């Protein structure tokens, strides 16, 4: 018989009924009705072309044919259990590989991962620098955090509202600091300084080079520490930081736990 044709439900019922020698007690174990157990056994007998149980004056008993296969059947179920445990081993792992922009890691993610790690000594993180879309088929990643308009084809959770804030020093220059992806109006003059990412833009603003328009999430620490001050109110809309993963990775307990921890940070 081909593996695709194995009557697994019927074999599971056979195992329970053989252990209890009672359709009623087997039904209780399997959370079904005794009639359903009887139907499964009859269907299995039809499939195998043999009688598995007989009713006698003493009750239900296995036929020699039914008893002949029990040892192999139970060994098979033990192998199934081992296979399931092996497949779940990755789910119980506390090691996470995360792709994120360098500036987000330095200014926001790293301290929050440290706080999260303090809640469980078994947590381990492998951080990979990434500033654009991730190809999960080529990278051995559990999840990624990117500046996006939404999760796209993946599962995801927004880590904060997609707000941008202008930051600078009250006694600093007023020219614009530009970084790839920063919001800007067409009428604005040429930037006073160009840098590689929003984190460097914040540092340049803190040094007095000018004003940087950056994701509010990224500027939280520097604003709280007084390194920079907000220039005007935050501007909503546009891209925000999303934690994303393909559906198979998103189903992992460790990824869901990380998403809950970071989204609530």
C-alpha atoms as a PDB file:
ATOM      1  CA  UNK A   1       0.000   0.000   0.000  1.00  0.00           C
ATOM      2  CA  UNK A   2       1.333   3.429  -0.973  1.00  0.00           C
ATOM      3  CA  UNK A   3       2.111   5.866   1.820  1.00  0.00           C
ATOM      4  CA  UNK A   4      -0.377   8.322   0.369  1.00  0.00           C
ATOM      5  CA  UNK A   5      -3.093   5.677   0.794  1.00  0.00           C
ATOM      6  CA  UNK A   6      -2.320   4.694   4.383  1.00  0.00           C
ATOM      7  CA  UNK A   7      -5.524   4.883   6.469  1.00  0.00           C
ATOM      8  CA  UNK A   8      -3.855   6.832   9.287  1.00  0.00           C
ATOM      9  CA  UNK A   9      -7.076   7.827  11.071  1.00  0.00           C
ATOM     10  CA  UNK A  10      -8.289   4.263  11.088  1.00  0.00           C
ATOM     11  CA  UNK A  11      -4.933   2.992  12.384  1.00  0.00           C
ATOM     12  CA  UNK A  12      -5.018   5.543  15.194  1.00  0.00           C
ATOM     13  CA  UNK A  13      -8.498   4.319  16.164  1.00  0.00           C
ATOM     14  CA  UNK A  14      -7.317   0.692  15.962  1.00  0.00           C
ATOM     15  CA  UNK A  15      -4.488   1.432  18.396  1.00  0.00           C
ATOM     16  CA  UNK A  16      -6.847   3.036  20.924  1.00  0.00           C
ATOM     17  CA  UNK A  17      -9.509   0.326  20.604  1.00  0.00           C
ATOM     18  CA  UNK A  18      -6.903  -2.436  20.944  1.00  0.00           C
ATOM     19  CA  UNK A  19      -5.484  -0.899  24.117  1.00  0.00           C
ATOM     20  CA  UNK A  20      -8.872  -0.504  25.769  1.00  0.00           C
ATOM     21  CA  UNK A  21     -10.678  -3.464  24.146  1.00  0.00           C
ATOM     22  CA  UNK A  22     -13.654  -1.120  24.202  1.00  0.00           C
ATOM     23  CA  UNK A  23     -15.046   1.168  21.546  1.00  0.00           C
ATOM     24  CA  UNK A  24     -16.583   3.344  24.260  1.00  0.00           C
ATOM     25  CA  UNK A  25     -13.307   3.933  26.136  1.00  0.00           C
ATOM     26  CA  UNK A  26     -11.463   4.430  22.841  1.00  0.00           C
ATOM     27  CA  UNK A  27     -14.065   7.025  21.884  1.00  0.00           C
ATOM     28  CA  UNK A  28     -13.499   8.849  25.198  1.00  0.00           C
ATOM     29  CA  UNK A  29      -9.753   8.954  24.557  1.00  0.00           C
ATOM     30  CA  UNK A  30     -10.175  10.218  21.018  1.00  0.00           C
ATOM     31  CA  UNK A  31     -12.987  12.662  21.867  1.00  0.00           C
ATOM     32  CA  UNK A  32     -15.399  11.089  19.365  1.00  0.00           C
ATOM     33  CA  UNK A  33     -18.520   8.948  19.672  1.00  0.00           C
ATOM     34  CA  UNK A  34     -18.451   5.143  19.995  1.00  0.00           C
ATOM     35  CA  UNK A  35     -20.355   4.995  16.706  1.00  0.00           C
ATOM     36  CA  UNK A  36     -17.547   6.931  15.007  1.00  0.00           C
ATOM     37  CA  UNK A  37     -14.997   4.469  16.382  1.00  0.00           C
ATOM     38  CA  UNK A  38     -17.067   1.578  15.031  1.00  0.00           C
ATOM     39  CA  UNK A  39     -17.306   3.247  11.610  1.00  0.00           C
ATOM     40  CA  UNK A  40     -13.541   3.795  11.469  1.00  0.00           C
ATOM     41  CA  UNK A  41     -12.844   0.179  12.405  1.00  0.00           C
ATOM     42  CA  UNK A  42     -15.290  -1.150   9.799  1.00  0.00           C
ATOM     43  CA  UNK A  43     -13.766   1.122   7.146  1.00  0.00           C
ATOM     44  CA  UNK A  44     -10.285  -0.060   8.107  1.00  0.00           C
ATOM     45  CA  UNK A  45     -11.396  -3.700   7.910  1.00  0.00           C
ATOM     46  CA  UNK A  46     -12.828  -3.062   4.449  1.00  0.00           C
ATOM     47  CA  UNK A  47      -9.573  -1.412   3.359  1.00  0.00           C
ATOM     48  CA  UNK A  48      -7.385  -4.206   4.726  1.00  0.00           C
ATOM     49  CA  UNK A  49      -9.736  -7.026   3.765  1.00  0.00           C
ATOM     50  CA  UNK A  50      -9.586  -8.630   7.195  1.00  0.00           C
ATOM     51  CA  UNK A  51     -11.502  -8.750  10.475  1.00  0.00           C
ATOM     52  CA  UNK A  52      -9.779  -6.948  13.332  1.00  0.00           C
ATOM     53  CA  UNK A  53     -12.188  -7.388  16.268  1.00  0.00           C
ATOM     54  CA  UNK A  54     -14.766  -9.914  17.372  1.00  0.00           C
ATOM     55  CA  UNK A  55     -17.475  -9.498  19.992  1.00  0.00           C
ATOM     56  CA  UNK A  56     -17.613 -12.388  22.442  1.00  0.00           C
ATOM     57  CA  UNK A  57     -19.502 -13.161  25.636  1.00  0.00           C
ATOM     58  CA  UNK A  58     -16.548 -11.665  27.526  1.00  0.00           C
ATOM     59  CA  UNK A  59     -16.526  -8.512  25.442  1.00  0.00           C
ATOM     60  CA  UNK A  60     -14.431  -7.182  22.584  1.00  0.00           C
ATOM     61  CA  UNK A  61     -11.328  -9.100  21.547  1.00  0.00           C
ATOM     62  CA  UNK A  62      -8.704  -8.744  18.829  1.00  0.00           C
ATOM     63  CA  UNK A  63      -8.464 -11.304  16.065  1.00  0.00           C
ATOM     64  CA  UNK A  64      -5.018 -12.821  15.366  1.00  0.00           C
ATOM     65  CA  UNK A  65      -4.860 -10.649  12.236  1.00  0.00           C
ATOM     66  CA  UNK A  66      -5.535  -7.532  14.271  1.00  0.00           C
ATOM     67  CA  UNK A  67      -3.008  -8.450  16.929  1.00  0.00           C
ATOM     68  CA  UNK A  68      -0.335  -9.323  14.361  1.00  0.00           C
ATOM     69  CA  UNK A  69       0.123  -5.717  13.276  1.00  0.00           C
ATOM     70  CA  UNK A  70      -0.002  -3.940  16.628  1.00  0.00           C
ATOM     71  CA  UNK A  71       3.709  -3.986  17.496  1.00  0.00           C
ATOM     72  CA  UNK A  72       4.707  -2.503  14.134  1.00  0.00           C
ATOM     73  CA  UNK A  73       1.824  -0.012  14.319  1.00  0.00           C
ATOM     74  CA  UNK A  74       2.841   1.266  17.755  1.00  0.00           C
ATOM     75  CA  UNK A  75       6.484   1.458  16.735  1.00  0.00           C
ATOM     76  CA  UNK A  76       5.351   3.531  13.767  1.00  0.00           C
ATOM     77  CA  UNK A  77       3.430   5.926  16.013  1.00  0.00           C
ATOM     78  CA  UNK A  78       6.533   6.319  18.212  1.00  0.00           C
ATOM     79  CA  UNK A  79       8.502   7.192  15.069  1.00  0.00           C
ATOM     80  CA  UNK A  80       5.824   9.742  14.141  1.00  0.00           C
ATOM     81  CA  UNK A  81       6.184  11.318  17.589  1.00  0.00           C
ATOM     82  CA  UNK A  82       9.963  11.516  17.166  1.00  0.00           C
ATOM     83  CA  UNK A  83       9.500  13.125  13.751  1.00  0.00           C
ATOM     84  CA  UNK A  84       7.135  15.732  15.191  1.00  0.00           C
ATOM     85  CA  UNK A  85       9.560  16.525  18.022  1.00  0.00           C
ATOM     86  CA  UNK A  86      12.390  16.907  15.517  1.00  0.00           C
ATOM     87  CA  UNK A  87      10.340  19.294  13.399  1.00  0.00           C
ATOM     88  CA  UNK A  88       9.366  21.293  16.483  1.00  0.00           C
ATOM     89  CA  UNK A  89      12.966  21.625  17.641  1.00  0.00           C
ATOM     90  CA  UNK A  90      13.415  24.757  15.503  1.00  0.00           C
ATOM     91  CA  UNK A  91      10.225  26.200  16.970  1.00  0.00           C
ATOM     92  CA  UNK A  92      11.588  25.850  20.494  1.00  0.00           C
ATOM     93  CA  UNK A  93      14.949  27.385  19.577  1.00  0.00           C
ATOM     94  CA  UNK A  94      15.601  30.765  21.144  1.00  0.00           C
ATOM     95  CA  UNK A  95      18.032  31.877  18.414  1.00  0.00           C
ATOM     96  CA  UNK A  96      16.798  34.597  16.041  1.00  0.00           C
ATOM     97  CA  UNK A  97      18.439  35.896  12.874  1.00  0.00           C
ATOM     98  CA  UNK A  98      17.227  39.424  12.178  1.00  0.00           C
ATOM     99  CA  UNK A  99      17.991  41.755   9.281  1.00  0.00           C
ATOM    100  CA  UNK A 100      17.733  45.479   9.995  1.00  0.00           C
ATOM    101  CA  UNK A 101      19.306  48.782   8.883  1.00  0.00           C
ATOM    102  CA  UNK A 102      22.502  49.640  10.771  1.00  0.00           C
ATOM    103  CA  UNK A 103      21.135  52.940  12.047  1.00  0.00           C
ATOM    104  CA  UNK A 104      17.969  51.349  13.407  1.00  0.00           C
ATOM    105  CA  UNK A 105      20.031  48.652  15.118  1.00  0.00           C
ATOM    106  CA  UNK A 106      22.323  51.192  16.752  1.00  0.00           C
ATOM    107  CA  UNK A 107      19.738  53.756  17.806  1.00  0.00           C
ATOM    108  CA  UNK A 108      16.649  51.679  18.602  1.00  0.00           C
ATOM    109  CA  UNK A 109      16.835  47.931  18.116  1.00  0.00           C
ATOM    110  CA  UNK A 110      19.971  46.974  20.069  1.00  0.00           C
ATOM    111  CA  UNK A 111      18.873  48.389  23.447  1.00  0.00           C
ATOM    112  CA  UNK A 112      15.452  46.793  23.078  1.00  0.00           C
ATOM    113  CA  UNK A 113      16.920  43.427  22.176  1.00  0.00           C
ATOM    114  CA  UNK A 114      19.148  43.707  25.242  1.00  0.00           C
ATOM    115  CA  UNK A 115      16.113  44.375  27.415  1.00  0.00           C
ATOM    116  CA  UNK A 116      14.242  41.478  25.794  1.00  0.00           C
ATOM    117  CA  UNK A 117      17.240  39.152  26.264  1.00  0.00           C
ATOM    118  CA  UNK A 118      17.237  39.992  29.972  1.00  0.00           C
ATOM    119  CA  UNK A 119      13.849  38.265  30.252  1.00  0.00           C
ATOM    120  CA  UNK A 120      15.208  34.920  29.012  1.00  0.00           C
ATOM    121  CA  UNK A 121      18.874  33.817  29.324  1.00  0.00           C
ATOM    122  CA  UNK A 122      18.444  31.365  26.416  1.00  0.00           C
ATOM    123  CA  UNK A 123      17.711  34.076  23.845  1.00  0.00           C
ATOM    124  CA  UNK A 124      20.359  34.555  21.162  1.00  0.00           C
ATOM    125  CA  UNK A 125      20.425  37.075  18.294  1.00  0.00           C
ATOM    126  CA  UNK A 126      22.268  37.246  14.988  1.00  0.00           C
ATOM    127  CA  UNK A 127      21.919  40.686  13.430  1.00  0.00           C
ATOM    128  CA  UNK A 128      22.450  41.288   9.713  1.00  0.00           C
ATOM    129  CA  UNK A 129      22.704  44.744   8.148  1.00  0.00           C
ATOM    130  CA  UNK A 130      20.024  45.391   5.521  1.00  0.00           C
ATOM    131  CA  UNK A 131      18.688  48.673   4.144  1.00  0.00           C
ATOM    132  CA  UNK A 132      16.484  47.499   1.276  1.00  0.00           C
ATOM    133  CA  UNK A 133      14.013  44.707   0.538  1.00  0.00           C
ATOM    134  CA  UNK A 134      15.100  41.265   1.728  1.00  0.00           C
ATOM    135  CA  UNK A 135      15.043  38.076  -0.336  1.00  0.00           C
ATOM    136  CA  UNK A 136      14.078  35.539   2.295  1.00  0.00           C
ATOM    137  CA  UNK A 137      14.686  32.696  -0.162  1.00  0.00           C
ATOM    138  CA  UNK A 138      18.403  33.509  -0.268  1.00  0.00           C
ATOM    139  CA  UNK A 139      18.976  34.675   3.301  1.00  0.00           C
ATOM    140  CA  UNK A 140      18.684  32.397   6.330  1.00  0.00           C
ATOM    141  CA  UNK A 141      16.500  34.873   8.192  1.00  0.00           C
ATOM    142  CA  UNK A 142      13.765  34.572  10.773  1.00  0.00           C
ATOM    143  CA  UNK A 143      12.547  38.135  10.208  1.00  0.00           C
ATOM    144  CA  UNK A 144      13.554  41.590   9.013  1.00  0.00           C
ATOM    145  CA  UNK A 145      12.874  45.151  10.124  1.00  0.00           C
ATOM    146  CA  UNK A 146      12.724  47.673   7.288  1.00  0.00           C
ATOM    147  CA  UNK A 147      11.415  51.148   6.519  1.00  0.00           C
ATOM    148  CA  UNK A 148       8.365  50.290   4.408  1.00  0.00           C
ATOM    149  CA  UNK A 149       4.887  51.430   3.416  1.00  0.00           C
ATOM    150  CA  UNK A 150       3.507  48.089   4.679  1.00  0.00           C
ATOM    151  CA  UNK A 151       4.362  44.384   4.960  1.00  0.00           C
ATOM    152  CA  UNK A 152       3.814  43.745   1.243  1.00  0.00           C
ATOM    153  CA  UNK A 153       3.701  40.038   0.418  1.00  0.00           C
ATOM    154  CA  UNK A 154       4.834  39.050   3.904  1.00  0.00           C
ATOM    155  CA  UNK A 155       3.266  38.918   7.348  1.00  0.00           C
ATOM    156  CA  UNK A 156       4.212  41.828   9.553  1.00  0.00           C
ATOM    157  CA  UNK A 157       3.554  44.277  12.340  1.00  0.00           C
ATOM    158  CA  UNK A 158       4.203  48.028  12.417  1.00  0.00           C
ATOM    159  CA  UNK A 159       6.647  48.939  15.188  1.00  0.00           C
ATOM    160  CA  UNK A 160       5.404  52.533  15.393  1.00  0.00           C
ATOM    161  CA  UNK A 161       3.273  55.054  13.576  1.00  0.00           C
ATOM    162  CA  UNK A 162       4.876  56.169  10.273  1.00  0.00           C
ATOM    163  CA  UNK A 163       5.782  59.597  11.643  1.00  0.00           C
ATOM    164  CA  UNK A 164       8.773  61.703  10.620  1.00  0.00           C
ATOM    165  CA  UNK A 165      10.232  64.438  12.787  1.00  0.00           C
ATOM    166  CA  UNK A 166      12.641  67.272  12.014  1.00  0.00           C
ATOM    167  CA  UNK A 167      15.504  67.405  14.505  1.00  0.00           C
ATOM    168  CA  UNK A 168      18.360  69.798  15.023  1.00  0.00           C
ATOM    169  CA  UNK A 169      20.198  71.831  17.627  1.00  0.00           C
ATOM    170  CA  UNK A 170      18.680  75.115  18.757  1.00  0.00           C
ATOM    171  CA  UNK A 171      22.072  76.771  18.297  1.00  0.00           C
ATOM    172  CA  UNK A 172      22.946  74.843  15.139  1.00  0.00           C
ATOM    173  CA  UNK A 173      22.709  75.579  11.443  1.00  0.00           C
ATOM    174  CA  UNK A 174      19.353  75.539   9.686  1.00  0.00           C
ATOM    175  CA  UNK A 175      20.371  73.890   6.425  1.00  0.00           C
ATOM    176  CA  UNK A 176      18.865  70.582   5.384  1.00  0.00           C
ATOM    177  CA  UNK A 177      20.663  67.296   6.031  1.00  0.00           C
ATOM    178  CA  UNK A 178      19.792  64.726   3.382  1.00  0.00           C
ATOM    179  CA  UNK A 179      19.943  60.930   3.516  1.00  0.00           C
ATOM    180  CA  UNK A 180      18.649  58.303   1.027  1.00  0.00           C
ATOM    181  CA  UNK A 181      14.897  58.035   1.373  1.00  0.00           C
ATOM    182  CA  UNK A 182      14.377  61.162   3.425  1.00  0.00           C
ATOM    183  CA  UNK A 183      11.221  63.189   2.708  1.00  0.00           C
ATOM    184  CA  UNK A 184      11.790  66.521   0.954  1.00  0.00           C
ATOM    185  CA  UNK A 185       9.824  69.076  -1.010  1.00  0.00           C
ATOM    186  CA  UNK A 186      10.593  69.973  -4.598  1.00  0.00           C
ATOM    187  CA  UNK A 187      11.048  73.644  -3.721  1.00  0.00           C
ATOM    188  CA  UNK A 188      13.681  73.007  -1.064  1.00  0.00           C
ATOM    189  CA  UNK A 189      17.198  74.231  -1.693  1.00  0.00           C
ATOM    190  CA  UNK A 190      20.151  71.912  -2.140  1.00  0.00           C
ATOM    191  CA  UNK A 191      21.077  70.105   1.069  1.00  0.00           C
ATOM    192  CA  UNK A 192      23.772  71.494   3.298  1.00  0.00           C
ATOM    193  CA  UNK A 193      25.019  67.968   3.973  1.00  0.00           C
ATOM    194  CA  UNK A 194      24.424  64.498   2.535  1.00  0.00           C
ATOM    195  CA  UNK A 195      24.931  61.367   4.654  1.00  0.00           C
ATOM    196  CA  UNK A 196      24.436  57.626   4.149  1.00  0.00           C
ATOM    197  CA  UNK A 197      21.478  56.980   6.458  1.00  0.00           C
ATOM    198  CA  UNK A 198      19.008  58.538   8.885  1.00  0.00           C
ATOM    199  CA  UNK A 199      21.127  57.643  11.912  1.00  0.00           C
ATOM    200  CA  UNK A 200      24.071  59.631  10.551  1.00  0.00           C
ATOM    201  CA  UNK A 201      21.650  62.444   9.750  1.00  0.00           C
ATOM    202  CA  UNK A 202      20.633  62.579  13.422  1.00  0.00           C
ATOM    203  CA  UNK A 203      24.278  62.607  14.495  1.00  0.00           C
ATOM    204  CA  UNK A 204      25.021  65.400  12.024  1.00  0.00           C
ATOM    205  CA  UNK A 205      22.072  67.379  13.379  1.00  0.00           C
ATOM    206  CA  UNK A 206      23.357  66.828  16.917  1.00  0.00           C
ATOM    207  CA  UNK A 207      26.732  68.174  15.794  1.00  0.00           C
ATOM    208  CA  UNK A 208      25.051  71.361  14.574  1.00  0.00           C
ATOM    209  CA  UNK A 209      25.246  70.761  10.799  1.00  0.00           C
ATOM    210  CA  UNK A 210      21.550  71.493  10.245  1.00  0.00           C
ATOM    211  CA  UNK A 211      18.093  69.952  10.404  1.00  0.00           C
ATOM    212  CA  UNK A 212      17.356  66.306   9.572  1.00  0.00           C
ATOM    213  CA  UNK A 213      13.927  64.868   8.753  1.00  0.00           C
ATOM    214  CA  UNK A 214      14.033  61.333  10.132  1.00  0.00           C
ATOM    215  CA  UNK A 215      11.648  58.596  11.347  1.00  0.00           C
ATOM    216  CA  UNK A 216      10.379  59.570  14.787  1.00  0.00           C
ATOM    217  CA  UNK A 217      11.099  56.057  16.061  1.00  0.00           C
ATOM    218  CA  UNK A 218      14.773  56.440  15.158  1.00  0.00           C
ATOM    219  CA  UNK A 219      15.103  59.791  16.907  1.00  0.00           C
ATOM    220  CA  UNK A 220      13.454  58.738  20.194  1.00  0.00           C
ATOM    221  CA  UNK A 221      16.681  58.118  22.099  1.00  0.00           C
ATOM    222  CA  UNK A 222      18.477  61.246  20.925  1.00  0.00           C
ATOM    223  CA  UNK A 223      15.451  63.418  21.665  1.00  0.00           C
ATOM    224  CA  UNK A 224      15.097  61.909  25.145  1.00  0.00           C
ATOM    225  CA  UNK A 225      18.822  62.404  25.822  1.00  0.00           C
ATOM    226  CA  UNK A 226      18.674  66.040  24.657  1.00  0.00           C
ATOM    227  CA  UNK A 227      21.243  65.546  21.877  1.00  0.00           C
ATOM    228  CA  UNK A 228      18.739  67.053  19.449  1.00  0.00           C
ATOM    229  CA  UNK A 229      15.453  68.907  19.719  1.00  0.00           C
ATOM    230  CA  UNK A 230      12.332  68.588  17.597  1.00  0.00           C
ATOM    231  CA  UNK A 231      11.810  71.362  15.081  1.00  0.00           C
ATOM    232  CA  UNK A 232       8.049  71.577  14.635  1.00  0.00           C
ATOM    233  CA  UNK A 233       5.482  68.817  15.055  1.00  0.00           C
ATOM    234  CA  UNK A 234       5.923  65.250  13.713  1.00  0.00           C
ATOM    235  CA  UNK A 235       4.611  64.693  10.192  1.00  0.00           C
ATOM    236  CA  UNK A 236       2.521  61.575   9.660  1.00  0.00           C
ATOM    237  CA  UNK A 237       2.177  59.389   6.599  1.00  0.00           C
ATOM    238  CA  UNK A 238       4.679  57.627   4.401  1.00  0.00           C
ATOM    239  CA  UNK A 239       6.951  54.775   5.339  1.00  0.00           C
ATOM    240  CA  UNK A 240       7.374  53.339   8.809  1.00  0.00           C
ATOM    241  CA  UNK A 241       9.398  50.580  10.403  1.00  0.00           C
ATOM    242  CA  UNK A 242       7.823  47.143   9.978  1.00  0.00           C
ATOM    243  CA  UNK A 243       8.900  43.784  11.347  1.00  0.00           C
ATOM    244  CA  UNK A 244       8.173  41.338   8.523  1.00  0.00           C
ATOM    245  CA  UNK A 245       8.591  37.643   7.750  1.00  0.00           C
ATOM    246  CA  UNK A 246       7.210  35.131   5.243  1.00  0.00           C
ATOM    247  CA  UNK A 247       4.277  33.131   6.595  1.00  0.00           C
ATOM    248  CA  UNK A 248       6.310  30.013   7.559  1.00  0.00           C
ATOM    249  CA  UNK A 249       8.752  32.067   9.651  1.00  0.00           C
ATOM    250  CA  UNK A 250       5.945  34.215  11.033  1.00  0.00           C
ATOM    251  CA  UNK A 251       4.297  31.096  12.476  1.00  0.00           C
ATOM    252  CA  UNK A 252       7.289  30.424  14.691  1.00  0.00           C
ATOM    253  CA  UNK A 253       6.667  31.081  18.373  1.00  0.00           C
ATOM    254  CA  UNK A 254       9.998  32.877  18.722  1.00  0.00           C
ATOM    255  CA  UNK A 255       9.157  35.328  15.912  1.00  0.00           C
ATOM    256  CA  UNK A 256       5.685  36.033  17.297  1.00  0.00           C
ATOM    257  CA  UNK A 257       7.182  36.618  20.752  1.00  0.00           C
ATOM    258  CA  UNK A 258       9.788  39.003  19.317  1.00  0.00           C
ATOM    259  CA  UNK A 259       7.145  40.908  17.361  1.00  0.00           C
ATOM    260  CA  UNK A 260       5.009  41.297  20.493  1.00  0.00           C
ATOM    261  CA  UNK A 261       7.994  42.486  22.517  1.00  0.00           C
ATOM    262  CA  UNK A 262       9.188  45.047  19.966  1.00  0.00           C
ATOM    263  CA  UNK A 263       5.751  46.338  18.972  1.00  0.00           C
ATOM    264  CA  UNK A 264       5.037  47.006  22.645  1.00  0.00           C
ATOM    265  CA  UNK A 265       8.435  48.573  23.326  1.00  0.00           C
END
